[in-house]
Amino acid sequence: MQHQPSLDELFERRQIYPDFEPQERLSRLVGLDDQKSRLAKILGLLVNPNGLERWAAKFHASEARPLLEVVLRRPPLVVLAGDVGSGKTELAETIGDAVARQERLEITLYPLSLATRGQGRVGEMTQLLSAAFEHTVQAASRLKSDGKAKGGVILLVDEADALAQSREAAQMHHEDRAGVNAFIRGIDRLANLRLPAAVIMCTNRLNALDPAVRRRAADIMAFGRPSDIQRRHILSLRLSPLGVSANQIEALVMATGPKQNRPGFTFSDLTQRLMPAIALDAYPNRPVEGGRALQIAQSIEPTPPFRDVARVAGL
């Protein structure tokens, strides 16, 4: 490449938190309260370690120093892994709002463009990835003053296995290997500089990620299909106010759960397919009816599960 890539080439957009729209989107991710809380805490400590210092001073004084060193030395990387439609990408795109409000800092999200993989020309992907991390370092460096963070940066890598797939794969091109090396160098650079920055990776194929990338993760969070309790909560929240009875909700919970020959509904199956189908079926001449909602649920095939198969030499 002969020119420095522009921000438009590197990132899909820029999102600044706190902001009302992502806050609303985050609130609609019902059934993921544990993941929300855990991810907000992890990212909060990565972009603003002073919060952990204040906690230690309040509750443990100097005795917590050895523990703090372990926590604060973790690489600034979190991996969200799970089936399609499990909510991980939506959470990754909106959790910055919770972190911004929690830490009382402005957080900027940079979603890495899939075009960053380049066109396969020698050195292209490596240069693009290096440029993306360079921009992240520069942006985060401007937010650090006297050891304190004035804001934070989150670099989001969706479909991460496309960029950081295992270098053990027999069919892997040398340019892809170089790209993975560049990615690892970027993570290590952020860790060594201790900047107010974090990287979130989302993947459907955890086993396809390079082992060195997985080892650097401060946390690997698993996302599955919603349980009976989660589906009941989602369905009740939206349909009970419309007059759908508790017994009808329970029948919908069973209809959207796993069967002997098929998996249960994903979060997106419930919120992006089933709910709109129920509303559109009733619109514009009649109200939503529980019995009809059940028929619609029984007619929808859940999204097939994504097979997480590690494609490495000898397998």
Protein backbone atom coordinates (compact mmCIF):
# COMPACT_ATOMS: atom_id res chain seq x y z
CA MET A 1 0.00 0.00 0.00
CA GLN A 2 1.24 3.47 -0.87
CA HIS A 3 -1.00 5.58 1.37
CA GLN A 4 -2.05 5.70 5.00
CA PRO A 5 -5.56 4.19 5.24
CA SER A 6 -8.28 6.66 6.15
CA LEU A 7 -10.63 6.20 9.09
CA ASP A 8 -13.41 5.34 6.63
CA GLU A 9 -11.27 2.52 5.23
CA LEU A 10 -10.41 1.14 8.67
CA PHE A 11 -13.67 1.51 10.58
CA GLU A 12 -17.32 1.13 9.69
CA ARG A 13 -18.23 4.19 11.76
CA ARG A 14 -17.49 5.88 15.06
CA GLN A 15 -19.88 5.69 18.03
CA ILE A 16 -19.52 7.95 21.06
CA TYR A 17 -21.09 7.01 24.41
CA PRO A 18 -23.08 7.81 26.47
CA ASP A 19 -25.84 8.08 23.92
CA PHE A 20 -29.58 7.50 24.12
CA GLU A 21 -29.90 5.20 21.07
CA PRO A 22 -27.38 2.52 22.16
CA GLN A 23 -28.74 2.78 25.70
CA GLU A 24 -32.18 1.83 24.35
CA ARG A 25 -30.73 -1.01 22.27
CA LEU A 26 -28.84 -2.33 25.29
CA SER A 27 -31.98 -2.27 27.44
CA ARG A 28 -33.77 -4.41 24.84
CA LEU A 29 -31.22 -7.20 25.27
CA VAL A 30 -33.25 -9.03 27.89
CA GLY A 31 -31.98 -12.30 29.28
CA LEU A 32 -28.33 -11.22 29.11
CA ASP A 33 -28.08 -9.39 32.44
CA ASP A 34 -25.13 -11.47 33.67
CA GLN A 35 -23.16 -10.88 30.47
CA LYS A 36 -23.98 -7.17 30.52
CA SER A 37 -22.80 -6.73 34.10
CA ARG A 38 -19.67 -8.81 33.68
CA LEU A 39 -18.61 -7.19 30.41
CA ALA A 40 -19.23 -3.66 31.72
CA LYS A 41 -17.03 -4.37 34.75
CA ILE A 42 -14.23 -5.90 32.68
CA LEU A 43 -14.20 -3.06 30.17
CA GLY A 44 -14.52 -0.48 32.92
CA LEU A 45 -11.34 -1.77 34.57
CA LEU A 46 -9.50 -1.97 31.26
CA VAL A 47 -10.24 1.62 30.22
CA ASN A 48 -10.24 3.10 33.73
CA PRO A 49 -8.10 1.11 36.22
CA ASN A 50 -8.42 3.98 38.73
CA GLY A 51 -11.82 2.56 39.60
CA LEU A 52 -10.17 -0.61 40.88
CA GLU A 53 -7.65 1.46 42.82
CA ARG A 54 -10.46 3.34 44.54
CA TRP A 55 -12.26 0.09 45.37
CA ALA A 56 -9.09 -1.39 46.90
CA ALA A 57 -8.39 1.76 48.92
CA LYS A 58 -11.92 1.72 50.31
CA PHE A 59 -12.16 -1.94 51.27
CA HIS A 60 -8.65 -3.41 51.49
CA ALA A 61 -6.05 -0.61 51.66
CA SER A 62 -2.51 -1.82 50.89
CA GLU A 63 -3.32 -5.51 51.29
CA ALA A 64 -4.88 -5.63 47.81
CA ARG A 65 -1.76 -4.58 45.89
CA PRO A 66 -0.72 -8.13 44.82
CA LEU A 67 -4.27 -8.80 43.59
CA LEU A 68 -4.44 -5.46 41.77
CA GLU A 69 -1.21 -6.20 39.91
CA VAL A 70 -2.64 -9.47 38.59
CA VAL A 71 -5.91 -7.87 37.48
CA LEU A 72 -4.33 -4.79 35.91
CA ARG A 73 -1.72 -6.74 33.96
CA ARG A 74 -4.34 -8.59 31.95
CA PRO A 75 -4.29 -7.91 28.19
CA PRO A 76 -7.06 -5.51 27.08
CA LEU A 77 -8.97 -8.15 25.13
CA VAL A 78 -12.40 -9.74 25.67
CA VAL A 79 -13.75 -12.48 23.40
CA LEU A 80 -17.51 -12.96 22.99
CA ALA A 81 -18.15 -16.40 21.55
CA GLY A 82 -21.34 -18.22 20.75
CA ASP A 83 -23.99 -19.31 18.31
CA VAL A 84 -25.48 -17.02 15.67
CA GLY A 85 -28.28 -14.82 16.94
CA SER A 86 -27.17 -15.08 20.57
CA GLY A 87 -26.88 -11.31 21.09
CA LYS A 88 -23.09 -11.03 21.33
CA THR A 89 -22.62 -8.50 18.50
CA GLU A 90 -25.50 -6.32 19.67
CA LEU A 91 -24.05 -6.39 23.19
CA ALA A 92 -20.59 -5.51 21.88
CA GLU A 93 -21.98 -2.56 19.92
CA THR A 94 -23.96 -1.11 22.85
CA ILE A 95 -22.08 -2.03 26.05
CA GLY A 96 -19.94 1.10 25.69
CA ASP A 97 -22.92 3.14 26.86
CA ALA A 98 -23.07 1.19 30.14
CA VAL A 99 -19.30 1.56 30.59
CA ALA A 100 -19.45 5.30 29.92
CA ARG A 101 -22.20 5.81 32.51
CA GLN A 102 -20.55 3.45 35.00
CA GLU A 103 -17.12 5.12 34.78
CA ARG A 104 -18.44 8.64 34.04
CA LEU A 105 -16.19 8.87 31.01
CA GLU A 106 -16.74 9.40 27.31
CA ILE A 107 -16.16 6.12 25.46
CA THR A 108 -15.58 5.89 21.71
CA LEU A 109 -16.27 2.70 19.76
CA TYR A 110 -14.35 1.92 16.57
CA PRO A 111 -15.88 -1.11 14.77
CA LEU A 112 -13.19 -2.59 12.54
CA SER A 113 -14.37 -2.85 8.94
CA LEU A 114 -14.38 -6.31 7.37
CA ALA A 115 -12.67 -4.63 4.44
CA THR A 116 -9.62 -4.56 6.70
CA ARG A 117 -8.94 -8.08 5.47
CA GLY A 118 -7.90 -6.42 2.24
CA GLN A 119 -7.82 -7.92 -1.23
CA GLY A 120 -5.16 -10.53 -0.55
CA ARG A 121 -2.26 -8.47 -1.86
CA VAL A 122 1.06 -9.11 -0.14
CA GLY A 123 1.32 -7.11 3.05
CA GLU A 124 -2.09 -5.43 2.67
CA MET A 125 -3.95 -6.96 5.59
CA THR A 126 -0.92 -6.56 7.86
CA GLN A 127 -0.67 -2.88 7.00
CA LEU A 128 -4.39 -2.31 7.49
CA LEU A 129 -4.44 -4.03 10.88
CA SER A 130 -1.32 -2.19 11.97
CA ALA A 131 -2.93 1.09 10.94
CA ALA A 132 -6.12 0.26 12.87
CA PHE A 133 -4.14 -0.43 16.05
CA GLU A 134 -1.99 2.66 15.47
CA HIS A 135 -5.12 4.79 15.34
CA THR A 136 -6.45 3.11 18.49
CA VAL A 137 -3.15 3.78 20.30
CA GLN A 138 -3.12 7.42 19.23
CA ALA A 139 -6.75 8.00 20.20
CA ALA A 140 -6.25 6.33 23.60
CA SER A 141 -2.96 8.14 24.25
CA ARG A 142 -4.75 11.48 23.97
CA LEU A 143 -7.13 10.35 26.71
CA LYS A 144 -4.46 9.52 29.29
CA SER A 145 -3.02 12.28 31.43
CA ASP A 146 -0.96 11.92 34.63
CA GLY A 147 -1.90 8.25 34.76
CA LYS A 148 -5.63 9.04 34.77
CA ALA A 149 -8.07 8.35 31.95
CA LYS A 150 -10.10 11.24 30.53
CA GLY A 151 -12.01 8.84 28.30
CA GLY A 152 -11.73 5.40 26.74
CA VAL A 153 -11.57 3.63 23.38
CA ILE A 154 -13.08 0.28 22.39
CA LEU A 155 -11.96 -1.45 19.20
CA LEU A 156 -14.63 -3.92 18.03
CA VAL A 157 -13.70 -6.86 15.82
CA ASP A 158 -16.81 -8.72 14.63
CA GLU A 159 -16.49 -12.09 12.85
CA ALA A 160 -13.07 -12.23 14.47
CA ASP A 161 -12.23 -15.68 13.13
CA ALA A 162 -11.97 -14.06 9.67
CA LEU A 163 -9.04 -11.96 10.91
CA ALA A 164 -7.44 -14.01 13.66
CA GLN A 165 -7.95 -17.61 12.60
CA SER A 166 -5.53 -20.20 13.85
CA ARG A 167 -2.09 -20.16 12.22
CA GLU A 168 -2.11 -23.95 12.65
CA ALA A 169 -4.59 -24.27 9.78
CA ALA A 170 -2.88 -26.22 7.02
CA GLN A 171 -4.53 -24.22 4.21
CA MET A 172 -3.79 -20.82 5.73
CA HIS A 173 -2.16 -18.34 3.35
CA HIS A 174 1.07 -16.68 4.47
CA GLU A 175 -0.60 -13.26 4.21
CA ASP A 176 -3.27 -14.39 6.68
CA ARG A 177 -0.56 -15.62 9.05
CA ALA A 178 1.12 -12.24 8.84
CA GLY A 179 -2.21 -10.58 9.60
CA VAL A 180 -2.67 -12.68 12.74
CA ASN A 181 0.85 -11.75 13.83
CA ALA A 182 -0.01 -8.07 13.32
CA PHE A 183 -3.17 -8.51 15.39
CA ILE A 184 -1.25 -10.11 18.25
CA ARG A 185 1.37 -7.34 18.14
CA GLY A 186 -1.43 -4.77 18.36
CA ILE A 187 -2.94 -6.40 21.45
CA ASP A 188 0.48 -6.65 23.10
CA ARG A 189 1.22 -3.01 22.32
CA LEU A 190 -2.00 -1.83 23.96
CA ALA A 191 -1.23 -4.01 26.99
CA ASN A 192 2.34 -2.75 27.37
CA LEU A 193 1.35 0.91 27.06
CA ARG A 194 -1.49 0.50 29.58
CA LEU A 195 -3.73 2.86 27.67
CA PRO A 196 -7.46 3.43 28.33
CA ALA A 197 -8.39 1.09 25.51
CA ALA A 198 -9.92 -2.35 25.09
CA VAL A 199 -10.59 -4.75 22.23
CA ILE A 200 -13.78 -6.80 21.90
CA MET A 201 -13.77 -9.77 19.53
CA CYS A 202 -16.98 -11.53 18.49
CA THR A 203 -16.89 -14.96 16.91
CA ASN A 204 -19.17 -17.87 16.06
CA ARG A 205 -16.14 -20.19 15.95
CA LEU A 206 -14.07 -19.90 19.10
CA ASN A 207 -12.03 -22.95 18.16
CA ALA A 208 -10.99 -21.26 14.92
CA LEU A 209 -9.26 -18.40 16.73
CA ASP A 210 -5.50 -18.59 16.99
CA PRO A 211 -4.46 -20.07 20.37
CA ALA A 212 -2.16 -17.11 21.02
CA VAL A 213 -5.13 -14.76 20.63
CA ARG A 214 -7.26 -16.81 23.00
CA ARG A 215 -4.46 -16.90 25.59
CA ARG A 216 -4.36 -13.10 25.58
CA ALA A 217 -8.04 -12.70 26.38
CA ALA A 218 -8.80 -11.20 29.77
CA ASP A 219 -12.07 -13.10 29.52
CA ILE A 220 -13.88 -15.38 27.08
CA MET A 221 -17.62 -15.02 27.47
CA ALA A 222 -19.87 -17.75 26.13
CA PHE A 223 -23.26 -16.98 24.57
CA GLY A 224 -25.85 -19.69 24.04
CA ARG A 225 -29.48 -19.92 23.01
CA PRO A 226 -31.98 -18.63 25.57
CA SER A 227 -33.14 -21.00 28.29
CA ASP A 228 -36.78 -21.59 29.22
CA ILE A 229 -36.51 -18.84 31.84
CA GLN A 230 -35.03 -16.38 29.37
CA ARG A 231 -37.58 -17.16 26.65
CA ARG A 232 -40.41 -16.83 29.17
CA HIS A 233 -39.10 -13.43 30.21
CA ILE A 234 -38.76 -12.19 26.62
CA LEU A 235 -42.19 -13.47 25.59
CA SER A 236 -43.96 -12.23 28.73
CA LEU A 237 -42.39 -8.79 28.51
CA ARG A 238 -43.76 -8.22 25.02
CA LEU A 239 -46.95 -10.28 24.82
CA SER A 240 -48.52 -10.26 28.30
CA PRO A 241 -49.43 -6.55 28.04
CA LEU A 242 -51.33 -7.40 24.83
CA GLY A 243 -53.58 -9.87 26.61
CA VAL A 244 -51.73 -13.12 25.96
CA SER A 245 -52.40 -15.32 29.02
CA ALA A 246 -49.82 -17.00 31.24
CA ASN A 247 -50.85 -20.42 29.91
CA GLN A 248 -50.42 -19.21 26.33
CA ILE A 249 -47.03 -17.74 27.18
CA GLU A 250 -46.01 -21.11 28.62
CA ALA A 251 -47.11 -22.85 25.42
CA LEU A 252 -44.98 -20.39 23.44
CA VAL A 253 -42.01 -21.11 25.71
CA MET A 254 -42.34 -24.81 24.91
CA ALA A 255 -42.88 -24.20 21.18
CA THR A 256 -39.73 -22.09 20.91
CA GLY A 257 -37.56 -24.47 22.94
CA PRO A 258 -35.35 -27.29 21.68
CA LYS A 259 -37.00 -30.38 20.25
CA GLN A 260 -35.58 -33.81 19.57
CA ASN A 261 -34.77 -32.99 15.95
CA ARG A 262 -34.09 -29.24 16.11
CA PRO A 263 -32.55 -26.57 18.39
CA GLY A 264 -34.44 -23.91 20.26
CA PHE A 265 -34.95 -20.37 19.05
CA THR A 266 -32.08 -17.89 19.24
CA PHE A 267 -32.53 -14.44 20.77
CA SER A 268 -32.77 -12.95 17.29
CA ASP A 269 -35.30 -15.63 16.25
CA LEU A 270 -37.54 -14.40 19.07
CA THR A 271 -37.08 -10.65 18.68
CA GLN A 272 -36.44 -10.24 14.95
CA ARG A 273 -38.56 -13.03 13.48
CA LEU A 274 -41.28 -14.26 15.85
CA MET A 275 -42.38 -10.94 17.40
CA PRO A 276 -42.63 -9.08 14.07
CA ALA A 277 -44.47 -12.05 12.52
CA ILE A 278 -47.04 -12.01 15.34
CA ALA A 279 -47.58 -8.26 15.01
CA LEU A 280 -47.82 -8.29 11.20
CA ASP A 281 -50.23 -11.23 11.26
CA ALA A 282 -52.68 -9.24 13.40
CA TYR A 283 -52.16 -5.90 11.68
CA PRO A 284 -54.29 -3.99 10.73
CA ASN A 285 -57.69 -5.49 11.49
CA ARG A 286 -57.48 -7.50 14.72
CA PRO A 287 -55.60 -7.71 18.03
CA VAL A 288 -52.80 -10.09 18.84
CA GLU A 289 -54.20 -13.44 19.98
CA GLY A 290 -52.30 -16.03 21.99
CA GLY A 291 -53.60 -19.00 20.04
CA ARG A 292 -52.61 -17.48 16.73
CA ALA A 293 -49.20 -16.48 18.15
CA LEU A 294 -48.61 -20.12 19.05
CA GLN A 295 -49.46 -21.25 15.51
CA ILE A 296 -46.98 -18.75 14.11
CA ALA A 297 -44.26 -19.90 16.52
CA GLN A 298 -44.83 -23.51 15.49
CA SER A 299 -44.46 -22.58 11.82
CA ILE A 300 -41.05 -20.90 12.20
CA GLU A 301 -37.88 -22.94 11.90
CA PRO A 302 -35.13 -21.78 14.27
CA THR A 303 -31.83 -20.60 12.86
CA PRO A 304 -29.58 -23.67 12.37
CA PRO A 305 -26.69 -23.84 14.84
CA PHE A 306 -23.26 -22.76 13.66
CA ARG A 307 -20.82 -25.67 13.75
CA ASP A 308 -17.68 -24.59 15.59
CA VAL A 309 -15.09 -26.83 13.98
CA ALA A 310 -11.39 -26.13 14.28
CA ARG A 311 -9.84 -26.44 10.85
CA VAL A 312 -6.28 -27.24 11.77
CA ALA A 313 -3.69 -29.50 10.27
CA GLY A 314 -4.42 -33.15 10.83
CA LEU A 315 -8.08 -32.64 11.79
